[in-house]
Amino acid sequence: MKSIEKNRKQRSNYLPISISWILKILFLVVGYSVFGAGFFVALLGLRLGLSILKHVLFFLLSLLLTALFLCLLVAIIF
């Protein structure tokens, strides 16, 4: 009986492609058919731009936290 239940648990949804991948591919196909090749260029620019923006904001946040930490140390020492 336990082996039957174990086999049932092993047969879960291990699909080679997930629904999110299907939606992404569908989004790309519809976007290309509606807007043309410029859609891919805009999508690539958006993806790279957001990646660069994320790194710049992380750098500025870490710089701000370092400055606040140094000000706190100076305030405690003096």
N, C-alpha and C. Protein backbone atom coordinates (compact mmCIF):
# COMPACT_ATOMS: atom_id res chain seq x y z
N MET A 1 0.82 -1.20 0.00
CA MET A 1 0.00 0.00 0.00
C MET A 1 0.87 1.26 0.00
N LYS A 2 1.96 1.22 0.79
CA LYS A 2 2.83 2.39 0.83
C LYS A 2 3.53 2.61 -0.50
N SER A 3 3.85 1.53 -1.19
CA SER A 3 4.52 1.68 -2.48
C SER A 3 3.58 2.30 -3.51
N ILE A 4 2.30 1.99 -3.44
CA ILE A 4 1.32 2.60 -4.36
C ILE A 4 1.22 4.09 -4.09
N GLU A 5 1.16 4.49 -2.83
CA GLU A 5 1.10 5.91 -2.49
C GLU A 5 2.39 6.61 -2.88
N LYS A 6 3.52 5.94 -2.72
CA LYS A 6 4.80 6.53 -3.10
C LYS A 6 4.85 6.76 -4.61
N ASN A 7 4.34 5.78 -5.39
CA ASN A 7 4.32 5.93 -6.84
C ASN A 7 3.40 7.06 -7.27
N ARG A 8 2.30 7.25 -6.57
CA ARG A 8 1.39 8.35 -6.88
C ARG A 8 2.06 9.69 -6.62
N LYS A 9 2.81 9.77 -5.52
CA LYS A 9 3.50 11.03 -5.20
C LYS A 9 4.59 11.33 -6.21
N GLN A 10 5.23 10.32 -6.75
CA GLN A 10 6.31 10.54 -7.71
C GLN A 10 5.79 10.96 -9.07
N ARG A 11 4.54 10.72 -9.37
CA ARG A 11 3.97 11.07 -10.67
C ARG A 11 3.38 12.47 -10.70
N SER A 12 3.90 13.37 -9.92
CA SER A 12 3.34 14.72 -9.91
C SER A 12 3.73 15.47 -11.19
N ASN A 13 3.41 16.73 -11.25
CA ASN A 13 3.57 17.51 -12.48
C ASN A 13 5.02 17.92 -12.71
N TYR A 14 5.80 17.02 -13.23
CA TYR A 14 7.17 17.36 -13.64
C TYR A 14 7.17 17.53 -15.15
N LEU A 15 6.64 18.64 -15.60
CA LEU A 15 6.57 18.91 -17.02
C LEU A 15 7.91 19.46 -17.49
N PRO A 16 8.30 19.19 -18.72
CA PRO A 16 9.57 19.71 -19.21
C PRO A 16 9.55 21.23 -19.39
N ILE A 17 8.38 21.81 -19.50
CA ILE A 17 8.27 23.26 -19.65
C ILE A 17 7.13 23.72 -18.74
N SER A 18 7.35 24.80 -18.04
CA SER A 18 6.33 25.26 -17.10
C SER A 18 5.37 26.23 -17.78
N ILE A 19 4.31 26.53 -17.08
CA ILE A 19 3.29 27.44 -17.62
C ILE A 19 3.86 28.85 -17.76
N SER A 20 4.74 29.24 -16.87
CA SER A 20 5.34 30.58 -16.99
C SER A 20 6.16 30.70 -18.27
N TRP A 21 6.86 29.63 -18.65
CA TRP A 21 7.62 29.67 -19.91
C TRP A 21 6.67 29.75 -21.11
N ILE A 22 5.56 29.05 -21.04
CA ILE A 22 4.58 29.11 -22.13
C ILE A 22 4.03 30.53 -22.25
N LEU A 23 3.74 31.17 -21.12
CA LEU A 23 3.23 32.54 -21.15
C LEU A 23 4.28 33.51 -21.68
N LYS A 24 5.54 33.32 -21.32
CA LYS A 24 6.60 34.18 -21.83
C LYS A 24 6.74 34.04 -23.35
N ILE A 25 6.72 32.81 -23.83
CA ILE A 25 6.83 32.59 -25.27
C ILE A 25 5.62 33.18 -25.99
N LEU A 26 4.44 33.01 -25.43
CA LEU A 26 3.23 33.58 -26.02
C LEU A 26 3.31 35.11 -26.05
N PHE A 27 3.81 35.70 -24.96
CA PHE A 27 3.99 37.14 -24.90
C PHE A 27 4.94 37.63 -25.99
N LEU A 28 6.04 36.90 -26.20
CA LEU A 28 6.99 37.29 -27.24
C LEU A 28 6.40 37.16 -28.64
N VAL A 29 5.66 36.10 -28.88
CA VAL A 29 5.07 35.90 -30.20
C VAL A 29 4.02 36.97 -30.49
N VAL A 30 3.16 37.24 -29.52
CA VAL A 30 2.12 38.26 -29.73
C VAL A 30 2.76 39.64 -29.87
N GLY A 31 3.76 39.94 -29.05
CA GLY A 31 4.43 41.23 -29.14
C GLY A 31 5.12 41.43 -30.48
N TYR A 32 5.75 40.38 -31.00
CA TYR A 32 6.40 40.48 -32.30
C TYR A 32 5.38 40.65 -33.41
N SER A 33 4.28 39.93 -33.31
CA SER A 33 3.28 40.04 -34.37
C SER A 33 2.57 41.39 -34.36
N VAL A 34 2.44 42.00 -33.20
CA VAL A 34 1.75 43.29 -33.12
C VAL A 34 2.69 44.45 -33.41
N PHE A 35 3.90 44.43 -32.80
CA PHE A 35 4.79 45.59 -32.88
C PHE A 35 5.99 45.39 -33.80
N GLY A 36 6.26 44.20 -34.24
CA GLY A 36 7.39 43.96 -35.13
C GLY A 36 8.69 43.76 -34.36
N ALA A 37 9.81 43.90 -35.09
CA ALA A 37 11.13 43.62 -34.51
C ALA A 37 11.52 44.65 -33.45
N GLY A 38 10.93 45.83 -33.49
CA GLY A 38 11.22 46.84 -32.49
C GLY A 38 10.80 46.41 -31.10
N PHE A 39 9.88 45.48 -31.03
CA PHE A 39 9.43 44.96 -29.74
C PHE A 39 10.57 44.26 -29.02
N PHE A 40 11.36 43.46 -29.76
CA PHE A 40 12.48 42.77 -29.15
C PHE A 40 13.55 43.74 -28.69
N VAL A 41 13.79 44.77 -29.47
CA VAL A 41 14.80 45.77 -29.10
C VAL A 41 14.36 46.52 -27.84
N ALA A 42 13.10 46.90 -27.78
CA ALA A 42 12.59 47.60 -26.60
C ALA A 42 12.60 46.69 -25.37
N LEU A 43 12.26 45.43 -25.55
CA LEU A 43 12.27 44.49 -24.44
C LEU A 43 13.68 44.25 -23.93
N LEU A 44 14.64 44.11 -24.83
CA LEU A 44 16.03 43.93 -24.43
C LEU A 44 16.56 45.18 -23.74
N GLY A 45 16.23 46.35 -24.26
CA GLY A 45 16.65 47.59 -23.62
C GLY A 45 16.05 47.75 -22.23
N LEU A 46 14.80 47.39 -22.09
CA LEU A 46 14.15 47.47 -20.78
C LEU A 46 14.80 46.51 -19.79
N ARG A 47 15.09 45.31 -20.25
CA ARG A 47 15.71 44.31 -19.37
C ARG A 47 17.11 44.75 -18.93
N LEU A 48 17.91 45.21 -19.88
CA LEU A 48 19.26 45.68 -19.53
C LEU A 48 19.21 46.95 -18.70
N GLY A 49 18.30 47.85 -19.04
CA GLY A 49 18.18 49.10 -18.28
C GLY A 49 17.78 48.86 -16.84
N LEU A 50 16.84 47.95 -16.62
CA LEU A 50 16.43 47.65 -15.25
C LEU A 50 17.55 46.97 -14.47
N SER A 51 18.33 46.14 -15.15
CA SER A 51 19.46 45.49 -14.49
C SER A 51 20.51 46.52 -14.06
N ILE A 52 20.82 47.44 -14.95
CA ILE A 52 21.79 48.49 -14.62
C ILE A 52 21.25 49.38 -13.52
N LEU A 53 19.98 49.76 -13.60
CA LEU A 53 19.37 50.61 -12.58
C LEU A 53 19.38 49.93 -11.22
N LYS A 54 19.12 48.63 -11.18
CA LYS A 54 19.13 47.89 -9.93
C LYS A 54 20.52 47.92 -9.30
N HIS A 55 21.56 47.75 -10.12
CA HIS A 55 22.92 47.76 -9.59
C HIS A 55 23.32 49.16 -9.11
N VAL A 56 22.93 50.18 -9.83
CA VAL A 56 23.24 51.54 -9.41
C VAL A 56 22.54 51.89 -8.11
N LEU A 57 21.28 51.52 -7.98
CA LEU A 57 20.55 51.80 -6.74
C LEU A 57 21.13 51.02 -5.56
N PHE A 58 21.56 49.80 -5.79
CA PHE A 58 22.20 49.03 -4.72
C PHE A 58 23.50 49.69 -4.30
N PHE A 59 24.27 50.19 -5.25
CA PHE A 59 25.52 50.89 -4.92
C PHE A 59 25.24 52.15 -4.11
N LEU A 60 24.25 52.94 -4.53
CA LEU A 60 23.93 54.17 -3.80
C LEU A 60 23.41 53.88 -2.39
N LEU A 61 22.63 52.83 -2.25
CA LEU A 61 22.13 52.45 -0.93
C LEU A 61 23.27 52.01 -0.02
N SER A 62 24.19 51.22 -0.55
CA SER A 62 25.32 50.80 0.27
C SER A 62 26.21 51.97 0.62
N LEU A 63 26.36 52.93 -0.29
CA LEU A 63 27.15 54.13 0.01
C LEU A 63 26.48 54.96 1.10
N LEU A 64 25.17 55.09 1.06
CA LEU A 64 24.43 55.82 2.08
C LEU A 64 24.55 55.13 3.43
N LEU A 65 24.42 53.81 3.46
CA LEU A 65 24.54 53.09 4.72
C LEU A 65 25.95 53.20 5.30
N THR A 66 26.96 53.18 4.45
CA THR A 66 28.33 53.36 4.92
C THR A 66 28.52 54.76 5.51
N ALA A 67 27.98 55.78 4.85
CA ALA A 67 28.10 57.14 5.36
C ALA A 67 27.37 57.28 6.69
N LEU A 68 26.19 56.69 6.81
CA LEU A 68 25.46 56.75 8.08
C LEU A 68 26.21 56.03 9.19
N PHE A 69 26.83 54.91 8.87
CA PHE A 69 27.61 54.16 9.85
C PHE A 69 28.81 54.97 10.32
N LEU A 70 29.49 55.63 9.39
CA LEU A 70 30.64 56.46 9.77
C LEU A 70 30.20 57.66 10.61
N CYS A 71 29.09 58.28 10.28
CA CYS A 71 28.57 59.40 11.09
C CYS A 71 28.20 58.93 12.49
N LEU A 72 27.63 57.75 12.59
CA LEU A 72 27.29 57.19 13.89
C LEU A 72 28.55 56.93 14.71
N LEU A 73 29.56 56.39 14.08
CA LEU A 73 30.83 56.15 14.80
C LEU A 73 31.46 57.46 15.27
N VAL A 74 31.45 58.47 14.43
CA VAL A 74 32.01 59.77 14.81
C VAL A 74 31.20 60.38 15.96
N ALA A 75 29.89 60.24 15.91
CA ALA A 75 29.04 60.78 16.98
C ALA A 75 29.27 60.06 18.30
N ILE A 76 29.51 58.76 18.25
CA ILE A 76 29.74 58.00 19.47
C ILE A 76 31.12 58.31 20.04
N ILE A 77 32.12 58.43 19.18
CA ILE A 77 33.50 58.65 19.65
C ILE A 77 33.68 60.06 20.22
N PHE A 78 33.12 61.05 19.54
CA PHE A 78 33.33 62.44 19.99
C PHE A 78 32.11 62.91 20.66
